[in-house]
Amino acid sequence: MRKYQLKTQKKLYSATDNLYLRFLILKKRKNILNELSTLVAMTSIQHWIKMMNDFFIIQL
């Protein structure tokens, strides 16, 4: 069950990364604050924090 969960989480990360990269390429924004604001707009703050927590737990 845990392995399956990690697999789906990794897929989720790569999917959001790809979306985010495409979005940045479209916008061609170089300002970090703008990138962060668009990232927050794409995902809710709480969801993003949870994803980051899960990511760091996976790394440990």
PDB file of N, CA and C in Angstrom:
ATOM      1  N   MET A   1       0.835  -1.206   0.000  1.00  0.00           N
ATOM      2  CA  MET A   1       0.000   0.000   0.000  1.00  0.00           C
ATOM      3  C   MET A   1       0.870   1.256   0.000  1.00  0.00           C
ATOM      4  N   ARG A   2       1.903   1.250   0.833  1.00  0.00           N
ATOM      5  CA  ARG A   2       2.794   2.417   0.935  1.00  0.00           C
ATOM      6  C   ARG A   2       3.531   2.652  -0.388  1.00  0.00           C
ATOM      7  N   LYS A   3       4.024   1.569  -0.992  1.00  0.00           N
ATOM      8  CA  LYS A   3       4.727   1.701  -2.272  1.00  0.00           C
ATOM      9  C   LYS A   3       3.826   2.326  -3.327  1.00  0.00           C
ATOM     10  N   TYR A   4       2.584   1.842  -3.378  1.00  0.00           N
ATOM     11  CA  TYR A   4       1.617   2.377  -4.341  1.00  0.00           C
ATOM     12  C   TYR A   4       1.384   3.857  -4.085  1.00  0.00           C
ATOM     13  N   GLN A   5       1.290   4.231  -2.800  1.00  0.00           N
ATOM     14  CA  GLN A   5       1.052   5.626  -2.436  1.00  0.00           C
ATOM     15  C   GLN A   5       2.217   6.505  -2.902  1.00  0.00           C
ATOM     16  N   LEU A   6       3.449   6.042  -2.662  1.00  0.00           N
ATOM     17  CA  LEU A   6       4.624   6.799  -3.087  1.00  0.00           C
ATOM     18  C   LEU A   6       4.644   6.955  -4.603  1.00  0.00           C
ATOM     19  N   LYS A   7       4.289   5.880  -5.309  1.00  0.00           N
ATOM     20  CA  LYS A   7       4.272   5.923  -6.775  1.00  0.00           C
ATOM     21  C   LYS A   7       3.298   6.985  -7.277  1.00  0.00           C
ATOM     22  N   THR A   8       2.084   6.982  -6.722  1.00  0.00           N
ATOM     23  CA  THR A   8       1.076   7.945  -7.169  1.00  0.00           C
ATOM     24  C   THR A   8       1.484   9.360  -6.801  1.00  0.00           C
ATOM     25  N   GLN A   9       2.124   9.533  -5.641  1.00  0.00           N
ATOM     26  CA  GLN A   9       2.582  10.865  -5.238  1.00  0.00           C
ATOM     27  C   GLN A   9       3.645  11.376  -6.200  1.00  0.00           C
ATOM     28  N   LYS A  10       4.580  10.498  -6.582  1.00  0.00           N
ATOM     29  CA  LYS A  10       5.626  10.901  -7.518  1.00  0.00           C
ATOM     30  C   LYS A  10       5.023  11.305  -8.858  1.00  0.00           C
ATOM     31  N   LYS A  11       4.013  10.541  -9.308  1.00  0.00           N
ATOM     32  CA  LYS A  11       3.328  10.898 -10.555  1.00  0.00           C
ATOM     33  C   LYS A  11       2.672  12.265 -10.431  1.00  0.00           C
ATOM     34  N   LEU A  12       2.070  12.507  -9.271  1.00  0.00           N
ATOM     35  CA  LEU A  12       1.414  13.790  -9.017  1.00  0.00           C
ATOM     36  C   LEU A  12       2.431  14.926  -9.083  1.00  0.00           C
ATOM     37  N   TYR A  13       3.596  14.722  -8.450  1.00  0.00           N
ATOM     38  CA  TYR A  13       4.635  15.756  -8.461  1.00  0.00           C
ATOM     39  C   TYR A  13       5.088  16.047  -9.881  1.00  0.00           C
ATOM     40  N   SER A  14       5.405  14.992 -10.648  1.00  0.00           N
ATOM     41  CA  SER A  14       5.908  15.208 -12.003  1.00  0.00           C
ATOM     42  C   SER A  14       4.846  15.877 -12.873  1.00  0.00           C
ATOM     43  N   ALA A  15       3.579  15.524 -12.660  1.00  0.00           N
ATOM     44  CA  ALA A  15       2.501  16.143 -13.431  1.00  0.00           C
ATOM     45  C   ALA A  15       2.390  17.628 -13.117  1.00  0.00           C
ATOM     46  N   THR A  16       2.446  17.983 -11.824  1.00  0.00           N
ATOM     47  CA  THR A  16       2.341  19.394 -11.451  1.00  0.00           C
ATOM     48  C   THR A  16       3.581  20.156 -11.903  1.00  0.00           C
ATOM     49  N   ASP A  17       4.767  19.506 -11.810  1.00  0.00           N
ATOM     50  CA  ASP A  17       5.999  20.140 -12.277  1.00  0.00           C
ATOM     51  C   ASP A  17       5.903  20.454 -13.763  1.00  0.00           C
ATOM     52  N   ASN A  18       5.451  19.483 -14.555  1.00  0.00           N
ATOM     53  CA  ASN A  18       5.327  19.681 -15.999  1.00  0.00           C
ATOM     54  C   ASN A  18       4.360  20.812 -16.321  1.00  0.00           C
ATOM     55  N   LEU A  19       3.216  20.820 -15.642  1.00  0.00           N
ATOM     56  CA  LEU A  19       2.232  21.885 -15.839  1.00  0.00           C
ATOM     57  C   LEU A  19       2.839  23.236 -15.509  1.00  0.00           C
ATOM     58  N   TYR A  20       3.530  23.288 -14.367  1.00  0.00           N
ATOM     59  CA  TYR A  20       4.124  24.540 -13.899  1.00  0.00           C
ATOM     60  C   TYR A  20       5.195  25.026 -14.868  1.00  0.00           C
ATOM     61  N   LEU A  21       6.037  24.112 -15.348  1.00  0.00           N
ATOM     62  CA  LEU A  21       7.081  24.487 -16.301  1.00  0.00           C
ATOM     63  C   LEU A  21       6.476  25.008 -17.601  1.00  0.00           C
ATOM     64  N   ARG A  22       5.448  24.325 -18.100  1.00  0.00           N
ATOM     65  CA  ARG A  22       4.773  24.786 -19.320  1.00  0.00           C
ATOM     66  C   ARG A  22       4.176  26.166 -19.124  1.00  0.00           C
ATOM     67  N   PHE A  23       3.579  26.357 -17.946  1.00  0.00           N
ATOM     68  CA  PHE A  23       2.976  27.648 -17.627  1.00  0.00           C
ATOM     69  C   PHE A  23       4.037  28.744 -17.611  1.00  0.00           C
ATOM     70  N   LEU A  24       5.197  28.447 -17.008  1.00  0.00           N
ATOM     71  CA  LEU A  24       6.289  29.422 -16.946  1.00  0.00           C
ATOM     72  C   LEU A  24       6.834  29.722 -18.339  1.00  0.00           C
ATOM     73  N   ILE A  25       6.976  28.678 -19.154  1.00  0.00           N
ATOM     74  CA  ILE A  25       7.482  28.883 -20.513  1.00  0.00           C
ATOM     75  C   ILE A  25       6.519  29.768 -21.303  1.00  0.00           C
ATOM     76  N   LEU A  26       5.207  29.520 -21.118  1.00  0.00           N
ATOM     77  CA  LEU A  26       4.204  30.350 -21.786  1.00  0.00           C
ATOM     78  C   LEU A  26       4.325  31.803 -21.359  1.00  0.00           C
ATOM     79  N   LYS A  27       4.437  32.008 -20.057  1.00  0.00           N
ATOM     80  CA  LYS A  27       4.472  33.366 -19.523  1.00  0.00           C
ATOM     81  C   LYS A  27       5.847  34.014 -19.655  1.00  0.00           C
ATOM     82  N   LYS A  28       6.904  33.180 -19.649  1.00  0.00           N
ATOM     83  CA  LYS A  28       8.289  33.668 -19.702  1.00  0.00           C
ATOM     84  C   LYS A  28       8.556  34.694 -18.607  1.00  0.00           C
ATOM     85  N   ARG A  29       8.126  34.327 -17.410  1.00  0.00           N
ATOM     86  CA  ARG A  29       8.325  35.225 -16.272  1.00  0.00           C
ATOM     87  C   ARG A  29       9.642  34.912 -15.590  1.00  0.00           C
ATOM     88  N   LYS A  30      10.394  35.969 -15.267  1.00  0.00           N
ATOM     89  CA  LYS A  30      11.673  35.765 -14.601  1.00  0.00           C
ATOM     90  C   LYS A  30      11.630  36.214 -13.144  1.00  0.00           C
ATOM     91  N   ASN A  31      10.554  36.878 -12.777  1.00  0.00           N
ATOM     92  CA  ASN A  31      10.438  37.378 -11.411  1.00  0.00           C
ATOM     93  C   ASN A  31       9.956  36.269 -10.477  1.00  0.00           C
ATOM     94  N   ILE A  32      10.745  36.006  -9.420  1.00  0.00           N
ATOM     95  CA  ILE A  32      10.416  34.915  -8.494  1.00  0.00           C
ATOM     96  C   ILE A  32       9.072  35.146  -7.816  1.00  0.00           C
ATOM     97  N   LEU A  33       8.775  36.368  -7.433  1.00  0.00           N
ATOM     98  CA  LEU A  33       7.503  36.655  -6.768  1.00  0.00           C
ATOM     99  C   LEU A  33       6.322  36.356  -7.682  1.00  0.00           C
ATOM    100  N   ASN A  34       6.448  36.714  -8.945  1.00  0.00           N
ATOM    101  CA  ASN A  34       5.383  36.401  -9.906  1.00  0.00           C
ATOM    102  C   ASN A  34       5.195  34.894 -10.042  1.00  0.00           C
ATOM    103  N   GLU A  35       6.317  34.159 -10.105  1.00  0.00           N
ATOM    104  CA  GLU A  35       6.241  32.701 -10.210  1.00  0.00           C
ATOM    105  C   GLU A  35       5.538  32.117  -8.995  1.00  0.00           C
ATOM    106  N   LEU A  36       5.895  32.622  -7.815  1.00  0.00           N
ATOM    107  CA  LEU A  36       5.275  32.118  -6.587  1.00  0.00           C
ATOM    108  C   LEU A  36       3.784  32.423  -6.562  1.00  0.00           C
ATOM    109  N   SER A  37       3.414  33.620  -6.985  1.00  0.00           N
ATOM    110  CA  SER A  37       1.991  33.980  -6.961  1.00  0.00           C
ATOM    111  C   SER A  37       1.190  33.122  -7.942  1.00  0.00           C
ATOM    112  N   THR A  38       1.771  32.827  -9.107  1.00  0.00           N
ATOM    113  CA  THR A  38       1.070  31.958 -10.056  1.00  0.00           C
ATOM    114  C   THR A  38       0.984  30.536  -9.517  1.00  0.00           C
ATOM    115  N   LEU A  39       2.051  30.103  -8.822  1.00  0.00           N
ATOM    116  CA  LEU A  39       2.039  28.764  -8.230  1.00  0.00           C
ATOM    117  C   LEU A  39       0.943  28.650  -7.184  1.00  0.00           C
ATOM    118  N   VAL A  40       0.827  29.675  -6.349  1.00  0.00           N
ATOM    119  CA  VAL A  40      -0.216  29.689  -5.316  1.00  0.00           C
ATOM    120  C   VAL A  40      -1.594  29.736  -5.969  1.00  0.00           C
ATOM    121  N   ALA A  41      -1.700  30.459  -7.076  1.00  0.00           N
ATOM    122  CA  ALA A  41      -2.979  30.525  -7.779  1.00  0.00           C
ATOM    123  C   ALA A  41      -3.355  29.161  -8.363  1.00  0.00           C
ATOM    124  N   MET A  42      -2.357  28.401  -8.820  1.00  0.00           N
ATOM    125  CA  MET A  42      -2.623  27.086  -9.409  1.00  0.00           C
ATOM    126  C   MET A  42      -3.045  26.074  -8.351  1.00  0.00           C
ATOM    127  N   THR A  43      -2.414  26.129  -7.184  1.00  0.00           N
ATOM    128  CA  THR A  43      -2.757  25.193  -6.109  1.00  0.00           C
ATOM    129  C   THR A  43      -3.034  25.991  -4.851  1.00  0.00           C
ATOM    130  N   SER A  44      -3.953  25.507  -4.035  1.00  0.00           N
ATOM    131  CA  SER A  44      -4.227  26.206  -2.782  1.00  0.00           C
ATOM    132  C   SER A  44      -3.014  26.107  -1.872  1.00  0.00           C
ATOM    133  N   ILE A  45      -2.855  27.085  -0.989  1.00  0.00           N
ATOM    134  CA  ILE A  45      -1.676  27.152  -0.125  1.00  0.00           C
ATOM    135  C   ILE A  45      -1.552  25.893   0.733  1.00  0.00           C
ATOM    136  N   GLN A  46      -2.656  25.462   1.323  1.00  0.00           N
ATOM    137  CA  GLN A  46      -2.611  24.291   2.202  1.00  0.00           C
ATOM    138  C   GLN A  46      -2.208  23.037   1.430  1.00  0.00           C
ATOM    139  N   HIS A  47      -2.733  22.875   0.230  1.00  0.00           N
ATOM    140  CA  HIS A  47      -2.394  21.719  -0.598  1.00  0.00           C
ATOM    141  C   HIS A  47      -0.902  21.738  -0.929  1.00  0.00           C
ATOM    142  N   TRP A  48      -0.379  22.910  -1.255  1.00  0.00           N
ATOM    143  CA  TRP A  48       1.036  23.042  -1.591  1.00  0.00           C
ATOM    144  C   TRP A  48       1.915  22.692  -0.393  1.00  0.00           C
ATOM    145  N   ILE A  49       1.537  23.210   0.808  1.00  0.00           N
ATOM    146  CA  ILE A  49       2.306  22.908   2.021  1.00  0.00           C
ATOM    147  C   ILE A  49       2.297  21.403   2.286  1.00  0.00           C
ATOM    148  N   LYS A  50       1.140  20.768   2.116  1.00  0.00           N
ATOM    149  CA  LYS A  50       1.038  19.323   2.333  1.00  0.00           C
ATOM    150  C   LYS A  50       1.932  18.575   1.343  1.00  0.00           C
ATOM    151  N   MET A  51       1.924  19.008   0.090  1.00  0.00           N
ATOM    152  CA  MET A  51       2.770  18.372  -0.916  1.00  0.00           C
ATOM    153  C   MET A  51       4.243  18.510  -0.562  1.00  0.00           C
ATOM    154  N   MET A  52       4.648  19.708  -0.109  1.00  0.00           N
ATOM    155  CA  MET A  52       6.042  19.926   0.274  1.00  0.00           C
ATOM    156  C   MET A  52       6.416  19.043   1.460  1.00  0.00           C
ATOM    157  N   ASN A  53       5.530  18.945   2.452  1.00  0.00           N
ATOM    158  CA  ASN A  53       5.781  18.080   3.606  1.00  0.00           C
ATOM    159  C   ASN A  53       5.967  16.638   3.160  1.00  0.00           C
ATOM    160  N   ASP A  54       5.073  16.152   2.310  1.00  0.00           N
ATOM    161  CA  ASP A  54       5.170  14.781   1.804  1.00  0.00           C
ATOM    162  C   ASP A  54       6.470  14.588   1.036  1.00  0.00           C
ATOM    163  N   PHE A  55       6.849  15.584   0.253  1.00  0.00           N
ATOM    164  CA  PHE A  55       8.065  15.504  -0.548  1.00  0.00           C
ATOM    165  C   PHE A  55       9.288  15.357   0.348  1.00  0.00           C
ATOM    166  N   PHE A  56       9.361  16.173   1.404  1.00  0.00           N
ATOM    167  CA  PHE A  56      10.515  16.101   2.298  1.00  0.00           C
ATOM    168  C   PHE A  56      10.533  14.793   3.076  1.00  0.00           C
ATOM    169  N   ILE A  57       9.351  14.278   3.423  1.00  0.00           N
ATOM    170  CA  ILE A  57       9.284  12.980   4.108  1.00  0.00           C
ATOM    171  C   ILE A  57       9.808  11.879   3.183  1.00  0.00           C
ATOM    172  N   ILE A  58       9.459  11.956   1.900  1.00  0.00           N
ATOM    173  CA  ILE A  58       9.938  10.965   0.929  1.00  0.00           C
ATOM    174  C   ILE A  58      11.462  11.050   0.800  1.00  0.00           C
ATOM    175  N   GLN A  59      12.011  12.262   0.821  1.00  0.00           N
ATOM    176  CA  GLN A  59      13.454  12.445   0.671  1.00  0.00           C
ATOM    177  C   GLN A  59      14.246  11.885   1.852  1.00  0.00           C
ATOM    178  N   LEU A  60      13.661  11.929   3.064  1.00  0.00           N
ATOM    179  CA  LEU A  60      14.394  11.482   4.266  1.00  0.00           C
ATOM    180  C   LEU A  60      14.587   9.973   4.311  1.00  0.00           C
TER     181      LEU A  60
END
